PDB file of all heavy atoms in Angstrom:
ATOM      1  N   ALA A   1     -13.162   6.341   8.215  1.00  0.00           N
ATOM      2  CA  ALA A   1     -12.453   6.569   6.936  1.00  0.00           C
ATOM      3  C   ALA A   1     -12.330   5.274   6.162  1.00  0.00           C
ATOM      4  O   ALA A   1     -12.476   5.252   4.957  1.00  0.00           O
ATOM      5  CB  ALA A   1     -11.082   7.127   7.222  1.00  0.00           C
ATOM      6  N   LEU A   2     -12.071   4.142   6.858  1.00  0.00           N
ATOM      7  CA  LEU A   2     -12.033   2.869   6.194  1.00  0.00           C
ATOM      8  C   LEU A   2     -13.342   2.501   5.572  1.00  0.00           C
ATOM      9  O   LEU A   2     -13.428   2.023   4.416  1.00  0.00           O
ATOM     10  CB  LEU A   2     -11.553   1.806   7.175  1.00  0.00           C
ATOM     11  CG  LEU A   2     -10.094   1.774   7.574  1.00  0.00           C
ATOM     12  CD1 LEU A   2      -9.912   0.677   8.631  1.00  0.00           C
ATOM     13  CD2 LEU A   2      -9.186   1.510   6.358  1.00  0.00           C
ATOM     14  N   ILE A   3     -14.400   2.713   6.324  1.00  0.00           N
ATOM     15  CA  ILE A   3     -15.733   2.330   5.827  1.00  0.00           C
ATOM     16  C   ILE A   3     -16.073   3.188   4.575  1.00  0.00           C
ATOM     17  O   ILE A   3     -16.653   2.706   3.616  1.00  0.00           O
ATOM     18  CB  ILE A   3     -16.767   2.511   6.903  1.00  0.00           C
ATOM     19  CG1 ILE A   3     -16.490   1.505   8.065  1.00  0.00           C
ATOM     20  CG2 ILE A   3     -18.195   2.384   6.403  1.00  0.00           C
ATOM     21  CD1 ILE A   3     -17.397   1.693   9.254  1.00  0.00           C
ATOM     22  N   ASN A   4     -15.771   4.470   4.651  1.00  0.00           N
ATOM     23  CA  ASN A   4     -16.004   5.322   3.471  1.00  0.00           C
ATOM     24  C   ASN A   4     -15.219   4.847   2.254  1.00  0.00           C
ATOM     25  O   ASN A   4     -15.726   4.884   1.140  1.00  0.00           O
ATOM     26  CB  ASN A   4     -15.625   6.771   3.804  1.00  0.00           C
ATOM     27  CG  ASN A   4     -16.597   7.420   4.768  1.00  0.00           C
ATOM     28  OD1 ASN A   4     -17.771   7.015   4.867  1.00  0.00           O
ATOM     29  ND2 ASN A   4     -16.147   8.423   5.535  1.00  0.00           N
ATOM     30  N   ASP A   5     -14.015   4.386   2.531  1.00  0.00           N
ATOM     31  CA  ASP A   5     -13.163   3.871   1.415  1.00  0.00           C
ATOM     32  C   ASP A   5     -13.820   2.618   0.800  1.00  0.00           C
ATOM     33  O   ASP A   5     -13.761   2.409  -0.418  1.00  0.00           O
ATOM     34  CB  ASP A   5     -11.788   3.596   1.926  1.00  0.00           C
ATOM     35  CG  ASP A   5     -10.749   3.807   0.855  1.00  0.00           C
ATOM     36  OD1 ASP A   5     -11.146   4.183  -0.251  1.00  0.00           O
ATOM     37  OD2 ASP A   5      -9.558   3.602   1.085  1.00  0.00           O
ATOM     38  N   ILE A   6     -14.377   1.764   1.688  1.00  0.00           N
ATOM     39  CA  ILE A   6     -15.012   0.541   1.202  1.00  0.00           C
ATOM     40  C   ILE A   6     -16.198   0.888   0.321  1.00  0.00           C
ATOM     41  O   ILE A   6     -16.477   0.302  -0.686  1.00  0.00           O
ATOM     42  CB  ILE A   6     -15.384  -0.359   2.374  1.00  0.00           C
ATOM     43  CG1 ILE A   6     -14.125  -0.876   3.097  1.00  0.00           C
ATOM     44  CG2 ILE A   6     -16.247  -1.516   1.921  1.00  0.00           C
ATOM     45  CD1 ILE A   6     -14.431  -1.640   4.340  1.00  0.00           C
ATOM     46  N   LEU A   7     -17.008   1.882   0.810  1.00  0.00           N
ATOM     47  CA  LEU A   7     -18.222   2.225   0.094  1.00  0.00           C
ATOM     48  C   LEU A   7     -17.950   2.905  -1.253  1.00  0.00           C
ATOM     49  O   LEU A   7     -18.752   2.904  -2.150  1.00  0.00           O
ATOM     50  CB  LEU A   7     -19.094   3.156   0.971  1.00  0.00           C
ATOM     51  CG  LEU A   7     -19.611   2.524   2.264  1.00  0.00           C
ATOM     52  CD1 LEU A   7     -20.392   3.527   3.088  1.00  0.00           C
ATOM     53  CD2 LEU A   7     -20.517   1.300   1.950  1.00  0.00           C
ATOM     54  N   ASP A   8     -16.750   3.500  -1.363  1.00  0.00           N
ATOM     55  CA  ASP A   8     -16.416   4.199  -2.614  1.00  0.00           C
ATOM     56  C   ASP A   8     -15.852   3.188  -3.615  1.00  0.00           C
ATOM     57  O   ASP A   8     -14.692   3.139  -3.918  1.00  0.00           O
ATOM     58  CB  ASP A   8     -15.392   5.288  -2.342  1.00  0.00           C
ATOM     59  CG  ASP A   8     -15.179   6.159  -3.542  1.00  0.00           C
ATOM     60  OD1 ASP A   8     -15.920   6.020  -4.524  1.00  0.00           O
ATOM     61  OD2 ASP A   8     -14.225   6.999  -3.527  1.00  0.00           O
ATOM     62  N   MET A   9     -16.739   2.291  -4.104  1.00  0.00           N
ATOM     63  CA  MET A   9     -16.289   1.172  -4.978  1.00  0.00           C
ATOM     64  C   MET A   9     -15.911   1.663  -6.376  1.00  0.00           C
ATOM     65  O   MET A   9     -15.352   0.886  -7.141  1.00  0.00           O
ATOM     66  CB  MET A   9     -17.420   0.142  -5.065  1.00  0.00           C
ATOM     67  CG  MET A   9     -17.773  -0.521  -3.744  1.00  0.00           C
ATOM     68  SD  MET A   9     -16.352  -1.275  -2.959  1.00  0.00           S
ATOM     69  CE  MET A   9     -15.979  -2.615  -4.042  1.00  0.00           C
ATOM     70  N   SER A  10     -16.212   2.901  -6.686  1.00  0.00           N
ATOM     71  CA  SER A  10     -15.816   3.410  -8.016  1.00  0.00           C
ATOM     72  C   SER A  10     -14.311   3.344  -8.232  1.00  0.00           C
ATOM     73  O   SER A  10     -13.788   3.161  -9.303  1.00  0.00           O
ATOM     74  CB  SER A  10     -16.337   4.826  -8.231  1.00  0.00           C
ATOM     75  OG  SER A  10     -15.765   5.701  -7.268  1.00  0.00           O
ATOM     76  N   LYS A  11     -13.571   3.515  -7.074  1.00  0.00           N
ATOM     77  CA  LYS A  11     -12.131   3.455  -7.181  1.00  0.00           C
ATOM     78  C   LYS A  11     -11.709   2.035  -7.578  1.00  0.00           C
ATOM     79  O   LYS A  11     -10.695   1.817  -8.286  1.00  0.00           O
ATOM     80  CB  LYS A  11     -11.459   3.840  -5.834  1.00  0.00           C
ATOM     81  CG  LYS A  11     -11.794   5.236  -5.391  1.00  0.00           C
ATOM     82  CD  LYS A  11     -11.236   5.533  -4.020  1.00  0.00           C
ATOM     83  CE  LYS A  11     -11.604   6.912  -3.519  1.00  0.00           C
ATOM     84  NZ  LYS A  11     -11.075   7.145  -2.146  1.00  0.00           N
ATOM     85  N   ILE A  12     -12.423   1.052  -7.067  1.00  0.00           N
ATOM     86  CA  ILE A  12     -12.043  -0.332  -7.364  1.00  0.00           C
ATOM     87  C   ILE A  12     -12.443  -0.668  -8.773  1.00  0.00           C
ATOM     88  O   ILE A  12     -11.734  -1.348  -9.486  1.00  0.00           O
ATOM     89  CB  ILE A  12     -12.737  -1.272  -6.358  1.00  0.00           C
ATOM     90  CG1 ILE A  12     -12.441  -0.827  -4.886  1.00  0.00           C
ATOM     91  CG2 ILE A  12     -12.231  -2.720  -6.565  1.00  0.00           C
ATOM     92  CD1 ILE A  12     -10.982  -0.722  -4.553  1.00  0.00           C
ATOM     93  N   GLU A  13     -13.629  -0.164  -9.188  1.00  0.00           N
ATOM     94  CA  GLU A  13     -14.120  -0.483 -10.549  1.00  0.00           C
ATOM     95  C   GLU A  13     -13.121   0.013 -11.606  1.00  0.00           C
ATOM     96  O   GLU A  13     -12.879  -0.648 -12.613  1.00  0.00           O
ATOM     97  CB  GLU A  13     -15.450   0.158 -10.770  1.00  0.00           C
ATOM     98  CG  GLU A  13     -16.578  -0.364  -9.856  1.00  0.00           C
ATOM     99  CD  GLU A  13     -16.996  -1.736 -10.214  1.00  0.00           C
ATOM    100  OE1 GLU A  13     -16.601  -2.211 -11.264  1.00  0.00           O
ATOM    101  OE2 GLU A  13     -17.728  -2.338  -9.447  1.00  0.00           O
ATOM    102  N   SER A  14     -12.536   1.200 -11.356  1.00  0.00           N
ATOM    103  CA  SER A  14     -11.601   1.763 -12.340  1.00  0.00           C
ATOM    104  C   SER A  14     -10.203   1.221 -12.169  1.00  0.00           C
ATOM    105  O   SER A  14      -9.339   1.465 -13.032  1.00  0.00           O
ATOM    106  CB  SER A  14     -11.598   3.286 -12.194  1.00  0.00           C
ATOM    107  OG  SER A  14     -11.073   3.645 -10.898  1.00  0.00           O
ATOM    108  N   GLY A  15      -9.966   0.483 -11.126  1.00  0.00           N
ATOM    109  CA  GLY A  15      -8.614  -0.046 -10.880  1.00  0.00           C
ATOM    110  C   GLY A  15      -7.648   0.987 -10.372  1.00  0.00           C
ATOM    111  O   GLY A  15      -6.428   0.803 -10.490  1.00  0.00           O
ATOM    112  N   LYS A  16      -8.139   2.142  -9.902  1.00  0.00           N
ATOM    113  CA  LYS A  16      -7.223   3.221  -9.444  1.00  0.00           C
ATOM    114  C   LYS A  16      -7.549   3.565  -8.007  1.00  0.00           C
ATOM    115  O   LYS A  16      -8.715   3.757  -7.642  1.00  0.00           O
ATOM    116  CB  LYS A  16      -7.402   4.428 -10.348  1.00  0.00           C
ATOM    117  CG  LYS A  16      -7.003   4.225 -11.792  1.00  0.00           C
ATOM    118  CD  LYS A  16      -7.225   5.512 -12.611  1.00  0.00           C
ATOM    119  CE  LYS A  16      -6.845   5.307 -14.066  1.00  0.00           C
ATOM    120  NZ  LYS A  16      -7.058   6.540 -14.863  1.00  0.00           N
ATOM    121  N   MET A  17      -6.539   3.697  -7.215  1.00  0.00           N
ATOM    122  CA  MET A  17      -6.652   4.184  -5.845  1.00  0.00           C
ATOM    123  C   MET A  17      -5.816   5.438  -5.747  1.00  0.00           C
ATOM    124  O   MET A  17      -4.605   5.446  -5.829  1.00  0.00           O
ATOM    125  CB  MET A  17      -6.117   3.112  -4.857  1.00  0.00           C
ATOM    126  CG  MET A  17      -6.915   1.833  -4.831  1.00  0.00           C
ATOM    127  SD  MET A  17      -8.588   2.057  -4.276  1.00  0.00           S
ATOM    128  CE  MET A  17      -8.363   2.372  -2.530  1.00  0.00           C
ATOM    129  N   VAL A  18      -6.495   6.588  -5.665  1.00  0.00           N
ATOM    130  CA  VAL A  18      -5.782   7.882  -5.681  1.00  0.00           C
ATOM    131  C   VAL A  18      -5.171   8.177  -4.340  1.00  0.00           C
ATOM    132  O   VAL A  18      -5.844   8.064  -3.304  1.00  0.00           O
ATOM    133  CB  VAL A  18      -6.800   9.019  -6.065  1.00  0.00           C
ATOM    134  CG1 VAL A  18      -6.089  10.363  -6.050  1.00  0.00           C
ATOM    135  CG2 VAL A  18      -7.419   8.734  -7.430  1.00  0.00           C
ATOM    136  N   LEU A  19      -3.909   8.534  -4.308  1.00  0.00           N
ATOM    137  CA  LEU A  19      -3.202   8.898  -3.064  1.00  0.00           C
ATOM    138  C   LEU A  19      -3.446  10.361  -2.781  1.00  0.00           C
ATOM    139  O   LEU A  19      -3.187  11.220  -3.628  1.00  0.00           O
ATOM    140  CB  LEU A  19      -1.726   8.609  -3.213  1.00  0.00           C
ATOM    141  CG  LEU A  19      -1.290   7.107  -3.299  1.00  0.00           C
ATOM    142  CD1 LEU A  19       0.180   6.984  -3.504  1.00  0.00           C
ATOM    143  CD2 LEU A  19      -1.772   6.331  -2.064  1.00  0.00           C
ATOM    144  N   LYS A  20      -3.909  10.685  -1.598  1.00  0.00           N
ATOM    145  CA  LYS A  20      -4.167  12.040  -1.201  1.00  0.00           C
ATOM    146  C   LYS A  20      -2.900  12.711  -0.748  1.00  0.00           C
ATOM    147  O   LYS A  20      -1.999  12.089  -0.210  1.00  0.00           O
ATOM    148  CB  LYS A  20      -5.217  12.100  -0.074  1.00  0.00           C
ATOM    149  CG  LYS A  20      -6.532  11.455  -0.482  1.00  0.00           C
ATOM    150  CD  LYS A  20      -7.536  11.457   0.657  1.00  0.00           C
ATOM    151  CE  LYS A  20      -8.859  10.792   0.285  1.00  0.00           C
ATOM    152  NZ  LYS A  20      -9.756  10.704   1.450  1.00  0.00           N
ATOM    153  N   LYS A  21      -2.815  14.057  -0.926  1.00  0.00           N
ATOM    154  CA  LYS A  21      -1.723  14.828  -0.420  1.00  0.00           C
ATOM    155  C   LYS A  21      -2.312  15.878   0.515  1.00  0.00           C
ATOM    156  O   LYS A  21      -2.812  16.924   0.111  1.00  0.00           O
ATOM    157  CB  LYS A  21      -1.001  15.508  -1.597  1.00  0.00           C
ATOM    158  CG  LYS A  21      -0.242  14.574  -2.506  1.00  0.00           C
ATOM    159  CD  LYS A  21       0.536  15.247  -3.576  1.00  0.00           C
ATOM    160  CE  LYS A  21       1.298  14.302  -4.479  1.00  0.00           C
ATOM    161  NZ  LYS A  21       2.104  14.987  -5.510  1.00  0.00           N
ATOM    162  N   LYS A  22      -2.227  15.521   1.832  1.00  0.00           N
ATOM    163  CA  LYS A  22      -2.841  16.359   2.855  1.00  0.00           C
ATOM    164  C   LYS A  22      -1.944  16.339   4.068  1.00  0.00           C
ATOM    165  O   LYS A  22      -1.413  15.315   4.449  1.00  0.00           O
ATOM    166  CB  LYS A  22      -4.228  15.816   3.187  1.00  0.00           C
ATOM    167  CG  LYS A  22      -4.997  16.635   4.202  1.00  0.00           C
ATOM    168  CD  LYS A  22      -6.358  16.042   4.454  1.00  0.00           C
ATOM    169  CE  LYS A  22      -7.137  16.859   5.514  1.00  0.00           C
ATOM    170  NZ  LYS A  22      -8.434  16.247   5.800  1.00  0.00           N
ATOM    171  N   ALA A  23      -1.788  17.514   4.660  1.00  0.00           N
ATOM    172  CA  ALA A  23      -0.937  17.630   5.872  1.00  0.00           C
ATOM    173  C   ALA A  23      -1.619  16.932   7.013  1.00  0.00           C
ATOM    174  O   ALA A  23      -2.854  17.011   7.244  1.00  0.00           O
ATOM    175  CB  ALA A  23      -0.713  19.089   6.196  1.00  0.00           C
ATOM    176  N   PHE A  24      -0.840  16.162   7.793  1.00  0.00           N
ATOM    177  CA  PHE A  24      -1.383  15.499   9.002  1.00  0.00           C
ATOM    178  C   PHE A  24      -0.341  15.501  10.123  1.00  0.00           C
ATOM    179  O   PHE A  24       0.857  15.632   9.887  1.00  0.00           O
ATOM    180  CB  PHE A  24      -1.805  14.043   8.633  1.00  0.00           C
ATOM    181  CG  PHE A  24      -0.711  13.129   8.251  1.00  0.00           C
ATOM    182  CD1 PHE A  24      -0.106  12.299   9.123  1.00  0.00           C
ATOM    183  CD2 PHE A  24      -0.285  13.112   6.914  1.00  0.00           C
ATOM    184  CE1 PHE A  24       0.900  11.450   8.748  1.00  0.00           C
ATOM    185  CE2 PHE A  24       0.738  12.258   6.506  1.00  0.00           C
ATOM    186  CZ  PHE A  24       1.320  11.409   7.432  1.00  0.00           C
ATOM    187  N   ASP A  25      -0.856  15.418  11.318  1.00  0.00           N
ATOM    188  CA  ASP A  25      -0.022  15.430  12.525  1.00  0.00           C
ATOM    189  C   ASP A  25       0.697  14.089  12.636  1.00  0.00           C
ATOM    190  O   ASP A  25       0.038  13.091  12.975  1.00  0.00           O
ATOM    191  CB  ASP A  25      -0.917  15.670  13.747  1.00  0.00           C
ATOM    192  CG  ASP A  25      -0.072  15.901  15.014  1.00  0.00           C
ATOM    193  OD1 ASP A  25       1.044  15.427  15.089  1.00  0.00           O
ATOM    194  OD2 ASP A  25      -0.618  16.581  15.921  1.00  0.00           O
ATOM    195  N   PHE A  26       1.985  14.089  12.313  1.00  0.00           N
ATOM    196  CA  PHE A  26       2.696  12.802  12.295  1.00  0.00           C
ATOM    197  C   PHE A  26       2.860  12.201  13.677  1.00  0.00           C
ATOM    198  O   PHE A  26       2.795  10.960  13.880  1.00  0.00           O
ATOM    199  CB  PHE A  26       4.039  13.018  11.633  1.00  0.00           C
ATOM    200  CG  PHE A  26       4.789  11.725  11.343  1.00  0.00           C
ATOM    201  CD1 PHE A  26       4.302  10.848  10.418  1.00  0.00           C
ATOM    202  CD2 PHE A  26       5.947  11.439  12.045  1.00  0.00           C
ATOM    203  CE1 PHE A  26       4.951   9.666  10.126  1.00  0.00           C
ATOM    204  CE2 PHE A  26       6.608  10.232  11.815  1.00  0.00           C
ATOM    205  CZ  PHE A  26       6.113   9.345  10.853  1.00  0.00           C
ATOM    206  N   ALA A  27       3.071  13.084  14.659  1.00  0.00           N
ATOM    207  CA  ALA A  27       3.238  12.573  16.038  1.00  0.00           C
ATOM    208  C   ALA A  27       1.965  11.909  16.526  1.00  0.00           C
ATOM    209  O   ALA A  27       1.967  10.811  17.073  1.00  0.00           O
ATOM    210  CB  ALA A  27       3.604  13.744  16.992  1.00  0.00           C
ATOM    211  N   ALA A  28       0.788  12.565  16.277  1.00  0.00           N
ATOM    212  CA  ALA A  28      -0.495  11.954  16.611  1.00  0.00           C
ATOM    213  C   ALA A  28      -0.730  10.681  15.819  1.00  0.00           C
ATOM    214  O   ALA A  28      -1.297   9.678  16.347  1.00  0.00           O
ATOM    215  CB  ALA A  28      -1.616  12.976  16.429  1.00  0.00           C
ATOM    216  N   PHE A  29      -0.302  10.687  14.538  1.00  0.00           N
ATOM    217  CA  PHE A  29      -0.439   9.478  13.726  1.00  0.00           C
ATOM    218  C   PHE A  29       0.276   8.303  14.325  1.00  0.00           C
ATOM    219  O   PHE A  29      -0.289   7.193  14.417  1.00  0.00           O
ATOM    220  CB  PHE A  29       0.119   9.780  12.342  1.00  0.00           C
ATOM    221  CG  PHE A  29       0.285   8.621  11.403  1.00  0.00           C
ATOM    222  CD1 PHE A  29      -0.815   8.125  10.721  1.00  0.00           C
ATOM    223  CD2 PHE A  29       1.494   7.981  11.303  1.00  0.00           C
ATOM    224  CE1 PHE A  29      -0.679   7.033   9.886  1.00  0.00           C
ATOM    225  CE2 PHE A  29       1.671   6.887  10.439  1.00  0.00           C
ATOM    226  CZ  PHE A  29       0.565   6.396   9.750  1.00  0.00           C
ATOM    227  N   ILE A  30       1.517   8.474  14.765  1.00  0.00           N
ATOM    228  CA  ILE A  30       2.252   7.347  15.389  1.00  0.00           C
ATOM    229  C   ILE A  30       1.640   6.918  16.683  1.00  0.00           C
ATOM    230  O   ILE A  30       1.504   5.727  17.015  1.00  0.00           O
ATOM    231  CB  ILE A  30       3.725   7.783  15.583  1.00  0.00           C
ATOM    232  CG1 ILE A  30       4.413   8.019  14.227  1.00  0.00           C
ATOM    233  CG2 ILE A  30       4.495   6.687  16.372  1.00  0.00           C
ATOM    234  CD1 ILE A  30       4.488   6.756  13.341  1.00  0.00           C
ATOM    235  N   ARG A  31       1.205   7.921  17.498  1.00  0.00           N
ATOM    236  CA  ARG A  31       0.577   7.572  18.796  1.00  0.00           C
ATOM    237  C   ARG A  31      -0.700   6.774  18.592  1.00  0.00           C
ATOM    238  O   ARG A  31      -0.932   5.752  19.226  1.00  0.00           O
ATOM    239  CB  ARG A  31       0.267   8.819  19.602  1.00  0.00           C
ATOM    240  CG  ARG A  31       1.474   9.451  20.271  1.00  0.00           C
ATOM    241  CD  ARG A  31       1.097  10.442  21.363  1.00  0.00           C
ATOM    242  NE  ARG A  31       0.237  11.503  20.832  1.00  0.00           N
ATOM    243  CZ  ARG A  31       0.695  12.655  20.356  1.00  0.00           C
ATOM    244  NH1 ARG A  31       1.983  12.860  20.269  1.00  0.00           N
ATOM    245  NH2 ARG A  31      -0.158  13.575  19.898  1.00  0.00           N
ATOM    246  N   ASN A  32      -1.534   7.246  17.684  1.00  0.00           N
ATOM    247  CA  ASN A  32      -2.819   6.546  17.433  1.00  0.00           C
ATOM    248  C   ASN A  32      -2.550   5.133  16.865  1.00  0.00           C
ATOM    249  O   ASN A  32      -3.263   4.201  17.220  1.00  0.00           O
ATOM    250  CB  ASN A  32      -3.650   7.311  16.461  1.00  0.00           C
ATOM    251  CG  ASN A  32      -4.107   8.684  17.035  1.00  0.00           C
ATOM    252  OD1 ASN A  32      -4.184   8.808  18.265  1.00  0.00           O
ATOM    253  ND2 ASN A  32      -4.407   9.640  16.172  1.00  0.00           N
ATOM    254  N   LEU A  33      -1.571   5.015  16.022  1.00  0.00           N
ATOM    255  CA  LEU A  33      -1.265   3.727  15.438  1.00  0.00           C
ATOM    256  C   LEU A  33      -0.769   2.729  16.479  1.00  0.00           C
ATOM    257  O   LEU A  33      -1.286   1.589  16.561  1.00  0.00           O
ATOM    258  CB  LEU A  33      -0.152   3.891  14.362  1.00  0.00           C
ATOM    259  CG  LEU A  33       0.316   2.599  13.696  1.00  0.00           C
ATOM    260  CD1 LEU A  33      -0.776   1.996  12.868  1.00  0.00           C
ATOM    261  CD2 LEU A  33       1.554   2.874  12.807  1.00  0.00           C
ATOM    262  N   THR A  34       0.130   3.166  17.330  1.00  0.00           N
ATOM    263  CA  THR A  34       0.669   2.239  18.313  1.00  0.00           C
ATOM    264  C   THR A  34      -0.321   1.902  19.386  1.00  0.00           C
ATOM    265  O   THR A  34      -0.317   0.836  19.993  1.00  0.00           O
ATOM    266  CB  THR A  34       1.959   2.860  18.974  1.00  0.00           C
ATOM    267  OG1 THR A  34       1.643   4.141  19.502  1.00  0.00           O
ATOM    268  CG2 THR A  34       3.059   2.973  17.961  1.00  0.00           C
ATOM    269  N   THR A  35      -1.253   2.911  19.682  1.00  0.00           N
ATOM    270  CA  THR A  35      -2.314   2.643  20.703  1.00  0.00           C
ATOM    271  C   THR A  35      -3.134   1.409  20.310  1.00  0.00           C
ATOM    272  O   THR A  35      -3.535   0.625  21.166  1.00  0.00           O
ATOM    273  CB  THR A  35      -3.208   3.864  20.789  1.00  0.00           C
ATOM    274  OG1 THR A  35      -2.460   4.973  21.297  1.00  0.00           O
ATOM    275  CG2 THR A  35      -4.386   3.571  21.757  1.00  0.00           C
ATOM    276  N   MET A  36      -3.358   1.216  19.003  1.00  0.00           N
ATOM    277  CA  MET A  36      -4.171   0.081  18.554  1.00  0.00           C
ATOM    278  C   MET A  36      -3.579  -1.271  18.884  1.00  0.00           C
ATOM    279  O   MET A  36      -4.297  -2.233  19.046  1.00  0.00           O
ATOM    280  CB  MET A  36      -4.369   0.139  17.061  1.00  0.00           C
ATOM    281  CG  MET A  36      -5.134   1.338  16.533  1.00  0.00           C
ATOM    282  SD  MET A  36      -5.360   1.280  14.716  1.00  0.00           S
ATOM    283  CE  MET A  36      -5.938   2.915  14.386  1.00  0.00           C
ATOM    284  N   PHE A  37      -2.229  -1.278  19.034  1.00  0.00           N
ATOM    285  CA  PHE A  37      -1.573  -2.594  19.232  1.00  0.00           C
ATOM    286  C   PHE A  37      -1.025  -2.876  20.614  1.00  0.00           C
ATOM    287  O   PHE A  37      -0.718  -3.993  20.949  1.00  0.00           O
ATOM    288  CB  PHE A  37      -0.405  -2.711  18.226  1.00  0.00           C
ATOM    289  CG  PHE A  37      -0.859  -2.767  16.810  1.00  0.00           C
ATOM    290  CD1 PHE A  37      -0.833  -1.646  16.006  1.00  0.00           C
ATOM    291  CD2 PHE A  37      -1.330  -3.945  16.272  1.00  0.00           C
ATOM    292  CE1 PHE A  37      -1.255  -1.701  14.701  1.00  0.00           C
ATOM    293  CE2 PHE A  37      -1.760  -4.060  14.950  1.00  0.00           C
ATOM    294  CZ  PHE A  37      -1.710  -2.870  14.188  1.00  0.00           C
ATOM    295  N   TYR A  38      -1.018  -1.831  21.496  1.00  0.00           N
ATOM    296  CA  TYR A  38      -0.477  -2.082  22.826  1.00  0.00           C
ATOM    297  C   TYR A  38      -1.339  -3.059  23.601  1.00  0.00           C
ATOM    298  O   TYR A  38      -0.862  -3.974  24.282  1.00  0.00           O
ATOM    299  CB  TYR A  38      -0.387  -0.774  23.594  1.00  0.00           C
ATOM    300  CG  TYR A  38       0.984  -0.148  23.518  1.00  0.00           C
ATOM    301  CD1 TYR A  38       1.183   1.020  22.763  1.00  0.00           C
ATOM    302  CD2 TYR A  38       2.094  -0.691  24.169  1.00  0.00           C
ATOM    303  CE1 TYR A  38       2.446   1.566  22.651  1.00  0.00           C
ATOM    304  CE2 TYR A  38       3.324  -0.105  24.016  1.00  0.00           C
ATOM    305  CZ  TYR A  38       3.504   1.009  23.245  1.00  0.00           C
ATOM    306  OH  TYR A  38       4.752   1.589  23.156  1.00  0.00           O
ATOM    307  N   ALA A  39      -2.688  -2.909  23.481  1.00  0.00           N
ATOM    308  CA  ALA A  39      -3.540  -3.796  24.230  1.00  0.00           C
ATOM    309  C   ALA A  39      -3.374  -5.224  23.756  1.00  0.00           C
ATOM    310  O   ALA A  39      -3.321  -6.167  24.585  1.00  0.00           O
ATOM    311  CB  ALA A  39      -5.052  -3.352  24.031  1.00  0.00           C
ATOM    312  N   GLN A  40      -3.333  -5.437  22.416  1.00  0.00           N
ATOM    313  CA  GLN A  40      -3.128  -6.805  21.926  1.00  0.00           C
ATOM    314  C   GLN A  40      -1.828  -7.411  22.397  1.00  0.00           C
ATOM    315  O   GLN A  40      -1.789  -8.560  22.784  1.00  0.00           O
ATOM    316  CB  GLN A  40      -3.145  -6.769  20.385  1.00  0.00           C
ATOM    317  CG  GLN A  40      -4.470  -6.321  19.792  1.00  0.00           C
ATOM    318  CD  GLN A  40      -4.444  -6.351  18.256  1.00  0.00           C
ATOM    319  OE1 GLN A  40      -4.003  -7.362  17.658  1.00  0.00           O
ATOM    320  NE2 GLN A  40      -4.920  -5.304  17.625  1.00  0.00           N
ATOM    321  N   ALA A  41      -0.754  -6.618  22.371  1.00  0.00           N
ATOM    322  CA  ALA A  41       0.522  -7.128  22.758  1.00  0.00           C
ATOM    323  C   ALA A  41       0.537  -7.467  24.245  1.00  0.00           C
ATOM    324  O   ALA A  41       1.075  -8.511  24.668  1.00  0.00           O
ATOM    325  CB  ALA A  41       1.585  -6.052  22.490  1.00  0.00           C
TER     326      ALA A  41
END
């Protein structure tokens, strides 16, 4: 998703970054986020 965002340079050219409104699993969101940092810590 990050790479797709980088490739979509039209958002940067126009100076606008559109915020999406989409349902997502908040519990999984927190787990996935913290997983990234446990190893580093």
